[in-house]
Protein backbone atom coordinates (compact mmCIF):
# COMPACT_ATOMS: atom_id res chain seq x y z
CA UNK A 1 0.00 0.00 0.00
CA UNK A 2 1.49 3.32 -1.08
CA UNK A 3 1.29 6.40 1.07
CA UNK A 4 -1.04 8.96 -0.53
CA UNK A 5 0.64 12.31 0.11
CA UNK A 6 -2.16 14.17 -1.65
CA UNK A 7 -4.75 12.72 0.71
CA UNK A 8 -2.51 13.37 3.71
CA UNK A 9 -2.08 17.03 2.83
CA UNK A 10 -5.80 17.44 2.13
CA UNK A 11 -6.61 15.96 5.55
CA UNK A 12 -4.00 18.15 7.23
CA UNK A 13 -5.38 21.19 5.44
CA UNK A 14 -8.90 20.34 6.56
CA UNK A 15 -7.75 19.96 10.17
CA UNK A 16 -5.98 23.34 10.05
CA UNK A 17 -9.00 24.97 8.40
CA UNK A 18 -11.32 23.68 11.13
CA UNK A 19 -8.91 24.84 13.84
CA UNK A 20 -8.66 28.25 12.20
CA UNK A 21 -12.44 28.47 11.90
CA UNK A 22 -12.83 27.90 15.63
CA UNK A 23 -10.32 30.65 16.41
CA UNK A 24 -11.91 33.03 13.88
CA UNK A 25 -15.50 32.52 15.03
CA UNK A 26 -15.05 31.89 18.77
CA UNK A 27 -11.77 33.52 19.90
CA UNK A 28 -13.04 34.15 23.43
CA UNK A 29 -14.34 30.62 23.81
CA UNK A 30 -11.10 29.14 22.53
CA UNK A 31 -9.08 31.25 24.95
CA UNK A 32 -11.34 30.24 27.84
CA UNK A 33 -11.01 26.57 26.89
CA UNK A 34 -7.21 26.81 26.77
CA UNK A 35 -7.15 28.45 30.20
CA UNK A 36 -9.24 25.58 31.57
CA UNK A 37 -6.76 23.07 30.16
CA UNK A 38 -3.67 24.65 31.76
CA UNK A 39 -4.18 23.31 35.30
CA UNK A 40 -4.89 19.74 34.13
CA UNK A 41 -2.13 17.22 34.76
CA UNK A 42 -0.16 15.82 31.83
CA UNK A 43 -1.67 12.38 32.37
CA UNK A 44 -5.19 13.72 31.81
CA UNK A 45 -4.18 15.65 28.70
CA UNK A 46 -2.37 12.57 27.37
CA UNK A 47 -5.49 10.45 27.94
CA UNK A 48 -7.69 12.95 26.11
CA UNK A 49 -5.15 13.14 23.29
CA UNK A 50 -5.04 9.36 22.95
CA UNK A 51 -8.84 9.25 22.93
CA UNK A 52 -8.94 11.83 20.14
CA UNK A 53 -6.29 9.88 18.25
CA UNK A 54 -8.27 6.65 18.50
CA UNK A 55 -11.52 8.35 17.50
CA UNK A 56 -9.84 9.99 14.51
CA UNK A 57 -8.30 6.69 13.43
CA UNK A 58 -11.66 4.95 13.75
CA UNK A 59 -13.44 7.65 11.73
CA UNK A 60 -10.75 7.46 9.06
CA UNK A 61 -11.09 3.70 8.90
CA UNK A 62 -14.89 3.90 8.60
CA UNK A 63 -14.65 6.63 5.94
CA UNK A 64 -12.17 4.51 4.00
CA UNK A 65 -14.87 1.88 3.47
CA UNK A 66 -17.34 4.34 1.90
C-alpha atoms as a PDB file:
ATOM      1  CA  UNK A   1       0.000   0.000   0.000  1.00  0.00           C
ATOM      2  CA  UNK A   2       1.495   3.319  -1.080  1.00  0.00           C
ATOM      3  CA  UNK A   3       1.294   6.402   1.073  1.00  0.00           C
ATOM      4  CA  UNK A   4      -1.038   8.960  -0.526  1.00  0.00           C
ATOM      5  CA  UNK A   5       0.637  12.312   0.111  1.00  0.00           C
ATOM      6  CA  UNK A   6      -2.158  14.166  -1.650  1.00  0.00           C
ATOM      7  CA  UNK A   7      -4.749  12.724   0.705  1.00  0.00           C
ATOM      8  CA  UNK A   8      -2.507  13.366   3.706  1.00  0.00           C
ATOM      9  CA  UNK A   9      -2.079  17.030   2.833  1.00  0.00           C
ATOM     10  CA  UNK A  10      -5.801  17.445   2.129  1.00  0.00           C
ATOM     11  CA  UNK A  11      -6.615  15.957   5.546  1.00  0.00           C
ATOM     12  CA  UNK A  12      -3.999  18.147   7.231  1.00  0.00           C
ATOM     13  CA  UNK A  13      -5.381  21.187   5.439  1.00  0.00           C
ATOM     14  CA  UNK A  14      -8.903  20.343   6.562  1.00  0.00           C
ATOM     15  CA  UNK A  15      -7.746  19.957  10.171  1.00  0.00           C
ATOM     16  CA  UNK A  16      -5.977  23.336  10.049  1.00  0.00           C
ATOM     17  CA  UNK A  17      -8.999  24.975   8.404  1.00  0.00           C
ATOM     18  CA  UNK A  18     -11.316  23.677  11.133  1.00  0.00           C
ATOM     19  CA  UNK A  19      -8.908  24.840  13.838  1.00  0.00           C
ATOM     20  CA  UNK A  20      -8.664  28.252  12.201  1.00  0.00           C
ATOM     21  CA  UNK A  21     -12.441  28.465  11.895  1.00  0.00           C
ATOM     22  CA  UNK A  22     -12.835  27.896  15.632  1.00  0.00           C
ATOM     23  CA  UNK A  23     -10.324  30.653  16.412  1.00  0.00           C
ATOM     24  CA  UNK A  24     -11.909  33.028  13.882  1.00  0.00           C
ATOM     25  CA  UNK A  25     -15.504  32.521  15.028  1.00  0.00           C
ATOM     26  CA  UNK A  26     -15.054  31.892  18.771  1.00  0.00           C
ATOM     27  CA  UNK A  27     -11.774  33.516  19.900  1.00  0.00           C
ATOM     28  CA  UNK A  28     -13.037  34.150  23.429  1.00  0.00           C
ATOM     29  CA  UNK A  29     -14.342  30.624  23.814  1.00  0.00           C
ATOM     30  CA  UNK A  30     -11.104  29.137  22.525  1.00  0.00           C
ATOM     31  CA  UNK A  31      -9.078  31.254  24.950  1.00  0.00           C
ATOM     32  CA  UNK A  32     -11.343  30.239  27.840  1.00  0.00           C
ATOM     33  CA  UNK A  33     -11.007  26.567  26.887  1.00  0.00           C
ATOM     34  CA  UNK A  34      -7.214  26.807  26.768  1.00  0.00           C
ATOM     35  CA  UNK A  35      -7.150  28.451  30.200  1.00  0.00           C
ATOM     36  CA  UNK A  36      -9.243  25.584  31.573  1.00  0.00           C
ATOM     37  CA  UNK A  37      -6.759  23.069  30.156  1.00  0.00           C
ATOM     38  CA  UNK A  38      -3.674  24.652  31.758  1.00  0.00           C
ATOM     39  CA  UNK A  39      -4.180  23.306  35.297  1.00  0.00           C
ATOM     40  CA  UNK A  40      -4.886  19.744  34.131  1.00  0.00           C
ATOM     41  CA  UNK A  41      -2.125  17.215  34.763  1.00  0.00           C
ATOM     42  CA  UNK A  42      -0.156  15.821  31.831  1.00  0.00           C
ATOM     43  CA  UNK A  43      -1.669  12.379  32.371  1.00  0.00           C
ATOM     44  CA  UNK A  44      -5.195  13.725  31.815  1.00  0.00           C
ATOM     45  CA  UNK A  45      -4.177  15.650  28.704  1.00  0.00           C
ATOM     46  CA  UNK A  46      -2.369  12.571  27.366  1.00  0.00           C
ATOM     47  CA  UNK A  47      -5.486  10.445  27.945  1.00  0.00           C
ATOM     48  CA  UNK A  48      -7.694  12.950  26.115  1.00  0.00           C
ATOM     49  CA  UNK A  49      -5.153  13.140  23.287  1.00  0.00           C
ATOM     50  CA  UNK A  50      -5.039   9.363  22.951  1.00  0.00           C
ATOM     51  CA  UNK A  51      -8.838   9.248  22.932  1.00  0.00           C
ATOM     52  CA  UNK A  52      -8.944  11.830  20.138  1.00  0.00           C
ATOM     53  CA  UNK A  53      -6.287   9.883  18.251  1.00  0.00           C
ATOM     54  CA  UNK A  54      -8.267   6.650  18.499  1.00  0.00           C
ATOM     55  CA  UNK A  55     -11.524   8.350  17.504  1.00  0.00           C
ATOM     56  CA  UNK A  56      -9.842   9.990  14.508  1.00  0.00           C
ATOM     57  CA  UNK A  57      -8.297   6.692  13.427  1.00  0.00           C
ATOM     58  CA  UNK A  58     -11.665   4.952  13.753  1.00  0.00           C
ATOM     59  CA  UNK A  59     -13.439   7.649  11.730  1.00  0.00           C
ATOM     60  CA  UNK A  60     -10.748   7.461   9.063  1.00  0.00           C
ATOM     61  CA  UNK A  61     -11.087   3.701   8.902  1.00  0.00           C
ATOM     62  CA  UNK A  62     -14.887   3.895   8.595  1.00  0.00           C
ATOM     63  CA  UNK A  63     -14.652   6.634   5.938  1.00  0.00           C
ATOM     64  CA  UNK A  64     -12.166   4.513   3.997  1.00  0.00           C
ATOM     65  CA  UNK A  65     -14.867   1.876   3.466  1.00  0.00           C
ATOM     66  CA  UNK A  66     -17.338   4.345   1.896  1.00  0.00           C
END
